[in-house]
Amino acid sequence: MPGAEPRSSVALAGAQAADLPQLVELLGTLFAQESELSPDPGKQRQALELILADPSRARIYVARERDQVIAMAALHFTTSTAEGGKVAGLEDCIVHPGHRRKGIGKALLEYVIAQARAEGALRVMLLTDGDNARAQALYRKLGFAPSSMLAMRLLLR
């Protein structure tokens, strides 16, 4: 049901190294549905290991039901000259397809935004597929607004 609160059996927390296989699987699902990205479990595992090893760079947050990671989102930190301090980029937000439309994504995003505030971040930015209307509606509900900035990409490999 849209807008529903997550079941009480869902716990929100930081990811742990033991979550890696489930995180790689979730990223595979996410990247398979993104028009510009492709799943590569080796690359995803390598990046996740780097993030988990250095929390000053980024943090991964998860929603768990019992021992299963059913959703994830990451905050990547940098310094903004425009904001005059720490800012965060929200990436890799995905809810397992079997757990969607239960309020889990909304609860996880609220948790992640609270964590960004607690870290002293002055802004959170994100990119979303232009055709992902459901995600965009959720982001707007949580206070995100469209930007006139245009994302551009240059691959260096």
C-alpha atoms as a PDB file:
ATOM      1  CA  MET A   1       0.000   0.000   0.000  1.00  0.00           C
ATOM      2  CA  PRO A   2       1.542   3.368  -1.007  1.00  0.00           C
ATOM      3  CA  GLY A   3       2.597   5.513   1.921  1.00  0.00           C
ATOM      4  CA  ALA A   4       2.300   2.640   4.383  1.00  0.00           C
ATOM      5  CA  GLU A   5       4.632   2.508   7.350  1.00  0.00           C
ATOM      6  CA  PRO A   6       7.144  -0.344   7.256  1.00  0.00           C
ATOM      7  CA  ARG A   7       6.369  -3.371   9.367  1.00  0.00           C
ATOM      8  CA  SER A   8       7.861  -3.328  12.840  1.00  0.00           C
ATOM      9  CA  SER A   9      10.094  -6.272  11.905  1.00  0.00           C
ATOM     10  CA  VAL A  10      12.120  -3.956   9.619  1.00  0.00           C
ATOM     11  CA  ALA A  11      15.269  -2.517  11.228  1.00  0.00           C
ATOM     12  CA  LEU A  12      17.190   0.465   9.813  1.00  0.00           C
ATOM     13  CA  ALA A  13      20.948   0.633  10.412  1.00  0.00           C
ATOM     14  CA  GLY A  14      24.371   1.011   8.890  1.00  0.00           C
ATOM     15  CA  ALA A  15      25.550  -1.798   6.622  1.00  0.00           C
ATOM     16  CA  GLN A  16      28.139  -4.298   7.796  1.00  0.00           C
ATOM     17  CA  ALA A  17      30.766  -6.317   5.925  1.00  0.00           C
ATOM     18  CA  ALA A  18      28.613  -9.440   6.350  1.00  0.00           C
ATOM     19  CA  ASP A  19      25.928  -7.720   4.236  1.00  0.00           C
ATOM     20  CA  LEU A  20      28.179  -7.582   1.141  1.00  0.00           C
ATOM     21  CA  PRO A  21      26.597 -10.450  -0.845  1.00  0.00           C
ATOM     22  CA  GLN A  22      23.105  -9.040  -0.337  1.00  0.00           C
ATOM     23  CA  LEU A  23      24.246  -5.499  -1.178  1.00  0.00           C
ATOM     24  CA  VAL A  24      25.862  -6.718  -4.403  1.00  0.00           C
ATOM     25  CA  GLU A  25      22.603  -8.487  -5.287  1.00  0.00           C
ATOM     26  CA  LEU A  26      20.546  -5.345  -4.628  1.00  0.00           C
ATOM     27  CA  LEU A  27      22.905  -3.259  -6.769  1.00  0.00           C
ATOM     28  CA  GLY A  28      22.524  -5.829  -9.539  1.00  0.00           C
ATOM     29  CA  THR A  29      18.772  -5.280  -9.425  1.00  0.00           C
ATOM     30  CA  LEU A  30      19.206  -1.499  -9.402  1.00  0.00           C
ATOM     31  CA  PHE A  31      21.709  -1.353 -12.244  1.00  0.00           C
ATOM     32  CA  ALA A  32      19.643  -3.752 -14.378  1.00  0.00           C
ATOM     33  CA  GLN A  33      16.755  -1.267 -14.290  1.00  0.00           C
ATOM     34  CA  GLU A  34      18.899   1.867 -14.838  1.00  0.00           C
ATOM     35  CA  SER A  35      19.191   2.926 -18.463  1.00  0.00           C
ATOM     36  CA  GLU A  36      22.834   4.095 -18.212  1.00  0.00           C
ATOM     37  CA  LEU A  37      24.267   1.445 -15.886  1.00  0.00           C
ATOM     38  CA  SER A  38      24.998  -2.282 -16.037  1.00  0.00           C
ATOM     39  CA  PRO A  39      25.471  -4.796 -13.245  1.00  0.00           C
ATOM     40  CA  ASP A  40      29.023  -6.015 -12.659  1.00  0.00           C
ATOM     41  CA  PRO A  41      29.178  -7.908  -9.351  1.00  0.00           C
ATOM     42  CA  GLY A  42      32.975  -7.677  -9.146  1.00  0.00           C
ATOM     43  CA  LYS A  43      32.952  -3.893  -9.502  1.00  0.00           C
ATOM     44  CA  GLN A  44      30.045  -3.522  -7.112  1.00  0.00           C
ATOM     45  CA  ARG A  45      31.770  -5.690  -4.468  1.00  0.00           C
ATOM     46  CA  GLN A  46      35.027  -3.735  -4.852  1.00  0.00           C
ATOM     47  CA  ALA A  47      33.284  -0.370  -4.433  1.00  0.00           C
ATOM     48  CA  LEU A  48      31.217  -1.559  -1.483  1.00  0.00           C
ATOM     49  CA  GLU A  49      34.346  -2.843   0.252  1.00  0.00           C
ATOM     50  CA  LEU A  50      36.010   0.561  -0.234  1.00  0.00           C
ATOM     51  CA  ILE A  51      32.990   2.361   1.219  1.00  0.00           C
ATOM     52  CA  LEU A  52      32.691   0.052   4.214  1.00  0.00           C
ATOM     53  CA  ALA A  53      36.426   0.434   4.909  1.00  0.00           C
ATOM     54  CA  ASP A  54      36.312   4.255   5.010  1.00  0.00           C
ATOM     55  CA  PRO A  55      33.168   5.711   6.620  1.00  0.00           C
ATOM     56  CA  SER A  56      34.529   9.260   6.225  1.00  0.00           C
ATOM     57  CA  ARG A  57      34.086   8.854   2.461  1.00  0.00           C
ATOM     58  CA  ALA A  58      30.605   7.345   2.414  1.00  0.00           C
ATOM     59  CA  ARG A  59      28.113   5.343   4.442  1.00  0.00           C
ATOM     60  CA  ILE A  60      25.735   2.607   3.381  1.00  0.00           C
ATOM     61  CA  TYR A  61      22.437   2.236   5.201  1.00  0.00           C
ATOM     62  CA  VAL A  62      20.132  -0.751   5.018  1.00  0.00           C
ATOM     63  CA  ALA A  63      16.672  -1.949   5.914  1.00  0.00           C
ATOM     64  CA  ARG A  64      16.727  -5.480   7.315  1.00  0.00           C
ATOM     65  CA  GLU A  65      13.965  -7.938   7.872  1.00  0.00           C
ATOM     66  CA  ARG A  66      15.385 -10.605  10.170  1.00  0.00           C
ATOM     67  CA  ASP A  67      18.772 -11.405   8.566  1.00  0.00           C
ATOM     68  CA  GLN A  68      17.817 -10.296   5.053  1.00  0.00           C
ATOM     69  CA  VAL A  69      18.853  -6.904   3.657  1.00  0.00           C
ATOM     70  CA  ILE A  70      15.755  -5.763   1.785  1.00  0.00           C
ATOM     71  CA  ALA A  71      16.768  -2.181   0.916  1.00  0.00           C
ATOM     72  CA  MET A  72      19.844   0.012   0.790  1.00  0.00           C
ATOM     73  CA  ALA A  73      20.953   3.594   0.188  1.00  0.00           C
ATOM     74  CA  ALA A  74      24.358   5.271   0.325  1.00  0.00           C
ATOM     75  CA  LEU A  75      25.506   8.739   1.327  1.00  0.00           C
ATOM     76  CA  HIS A  76      28.750  10.002  -0.239  1.00  0.00           C
ATOM     77  CA  PHE A  77      30.356  13.023   1.416  1.00  0.00           C
ATOM     78  CA  THR A  78      32.266  15.955  -0.036  1.00  0.00           C
ATOM     79  CA  THR A  79      32.745  19.664   0.645  1.00  0.00           C
ATOM     80  CA  SER A  80      30.718  22.253  -1.240  1.00  0.00           C
ATOM     81  CA  THR A  81      32.088  25.733  -1.843  1.00  0.00           C
ATOM     82  CA  ALA A  82      28.533  26.859  -2.642  1.00  0.00           C
ATOM     83  CA  GLU A  83      27.212  25.638   0.719  1.00  0.00           C
ATOM     84  CA  GLY A  84      30.393  26.401   2.644  1.00  0.00           C
ATOM     85  CA  GLY A  85      30.756  22.959   4.155  1.00  0.00           C
ATOM     86  CA  LYS A  86      29.960  19.281   4.103  1.00  0.00           C
ATOM     87  CA  VAL A  87      27.350  17.975   1.679  1.00  0.00           C
ATOM     88  CA  ALA A  88      26.130  14.510   0.761  1.00  0.00           C
ATOM     89  CA  GLY A  89      25.158  12.734  -2.415  1.00  0.00           C
ATOM     90  CA  LEU A  90      22.480  10.070  -2.153  1.00  0.00           C
ATOM     91  CA  GLU A  91      23.155   7.036  -4.351  1.00  0.00           C
ATOM     92  CA  ASP A  92      22.212   3.405  -4.790  1.00  0.00           C
ATOM     93  CA  CYS A  93      18.736   3.666  -3.325  1.00  0.00           C
ATOM     94  CA  ILE A  94      16.950   0.376  -3.957  1.00  0.00           C
ATOM     95  CA  VAL A  95      14.238  -1.708  -2.317  1.00  0.00           C
ATOM     96  CA  HIS A  96      14.112  -5.407  -3.156  1.00  0.00           C
ATOM     97  CA  PRO A  97      11.242  -5.900  -5.649  1.00  0.00           C
ATOM     98  CA  GLY A  98       9.413  -8.276  -3.292  1.00  0.00           C
ATOM     99  CA  HIS A  99       9.292  -5.605  -0.567  1.00  0.00           C
ATOM    100  CA  ARG A 100       8.192  -2.541  -2.525  1.00  0.00           C
ATOM    101  CA  ARG A 101       5.114  -0.423  -1.824  1.00  0.00           C
ATOM    102  CA  LYS A 102       5.239  -1.154   1.911  1.00  0.00           C
ATOM    103  CA  GLY A 103       6.781   2.117   3.132  1.00  0.00           C
ATOM    104  CA  ILE A 104      10.281   0.643   3.469  1.00  0.00           C
ATOM    105  CA  GLY A 105      11.910   2.984   0.930  1.00  0.00           C
ATOM    106  CA  LYS A 106      10.352   6.044   2.545  1.00  0.00           C
ATOM    107  CA  ALA A 107      11.403   4.948   6.028  1.00  0.00           C
ATOM    108  CA  LEU A 108      14.958   4.208   4.865  1.00  0.00           C
ATOM    109  CA  LEU A 109      15.254   7.569   3.095  1.00  0.00           C
ATOM    110  CA  GLU A 110      13.967   9.433   6.165  1.00  0.00           C
ATOM    111  CA  TYR A 111      16.561   7.576   8.222  1.00  0.00           C
ATOM    112  CA  VAL A 112      19.346   8.382   5.740  1.00  0.00           C
ATOM    113  CA  ILE A 113      18.377  12.077   5.652  1.00  0.00           C
ATOM    114  CA  ALA A 114      18.441  12.145   9.464  1.00  0.00           C
ATOM    115  CA  GLN A 115      21.905  10.571   9.368  1.00  0.00           C
ATOM    116  CA  ALA A 116      23.081  13.243   6.893  1.00  0.00           C
ATOM    117  CA  ARG A 117      21.824  15.943   9.269  1.00  0.00           C
ATOM    118  CA  ALA A 118      23.532  14.269  12.215  1.00  0.00           C
ATOM    119  CA  GLU A 119      26.784  14.203  10.193  1.00  0.00           C
ATOM    120  CA  GLY A 120      26.499  17.968   9.679  1.00  0.00           C
ATOM    121  CA  ALA A 121      25.690  17.789   5.971  1.00  0.00           C
ATOM    122  CA  LEU A 122      24.196  21.024   4.654  1.00  0.00           C
ATOM    123  CA  ARG A 123      22.609  19.536   1.530  1.00  0.00           C
ATOM    124  CA  VAL A 124      21.730  16.157   0.037  1.00  0.00           C
ATOM    125  CA  MET A 125      21.651  15.786  -3.736  1.00  0.00           C
ATOM    126  CA  LEU A 126      20.708  12.817  -5.868  1.00  0.00           C
ATOM    127  CA  LEU A 127      20.338  11.682  -9.449  1.00  0.00           C
ATOM    128  CA  THR A 128      17.369   9.651 -10.613  1.00  0.00           C
ATOM    129  CA  ASP A 129      16.355   8.159 -13.934  1.00  0.00           C
ATOM    130  CA  GLY A 130      14.230  10.651 -15.843  1.00  0.00           C
ATOM    131  CA  ASP A 131      11.525   8.048 -16.382  1.00  0.00           C
ATOM    132  CA  ASN A 132      11.334   6.779 -12.780  1.00  0.00           C
ATOM    133  CA  ALA A 133       8.198   8.689 -11.811  1.00  0.00           C
ATOM    134  CA  ARG A 134       7.528   6.619  -8.673  1.00  0.00           C
ATOM    135  CA  ALA A 135      10.971   7.377  -7.205  1.00  0.00           C
ATOM    136  CA  GLN A 136      10.695  11.051  -8.143  1.00  0.00           C
ATOM    137  CA  ALA A 137       7.317  11.296  -6.389  1.00  0.00           C
ATOM    138  CA  LEU A 138       8.836   9.815  -3.235  1.00  0.00           C
ATOM    139  CA  TYR A 139      11.802  12.188  -3.373  1.00  0.00           C
ATOM    140  CA  ARG A 140       9.464  15.176  -3.755  1.00  0.00           C
ATOM    141  CA  LYS A 141       7.367  13.949  -0.816  1.00  0.00           C
ATOM    142  CA  LEU A 142      10.548  13.957   1.277  1.00  0.00           C
ATOM    143  CA  GLY A 143      11.383  17.543   0.296  1.00  0.00           C
ATOM    144  CA  PHE A 144      13.691  17.096  -2.696  1.00  0.00           C
ATOM    145  CA  ALA A 145      13.088  19.534  -5.532  1.00  0.00           C
ATOM    146  CA  PRO A 146      14.143  19.310  -9.171  1.00  0.00           C
ATOM    147  CA  SER A 147      17.325  21.166 -10.031  1.00  0.00           C
ATOM    148  CA  SER A 148      18.126  23.119 -13.153  1.00  0.00           C
ATOM    149  CA  MET A 149      21.624  21.604 -13.015  1.00  0.00           C
ATOM    150  CA  LEU A 150      22.262  19.039 -15.744  1.00  0.00           C
ATOM    151  CA  ALA A 151      24.126  15.827 -14.956  1.00  0.00           C
ATOM    152  CA  MET A 152      26.869  15.044 -17.454  1.00  0.00           C
ATOM    153  CA  ARG A 153      29.265  12.095 -17.554  1.00  0.00           C
ATOM    154  CA  LEU A 154      32.806  11.473 -18.774  1.00  0.00           C
ATOM    155  CA  LEU A 155      34.078   7.919 -18.318  1.00  0.00           C
ATOM    156  CA  LEU A 156      37.844   7.786 -17.826  1.00  0.00           C
ATOM    157  CA  ARG A 157      38.475   4.097 -18.416  1.00  0.00           C
END
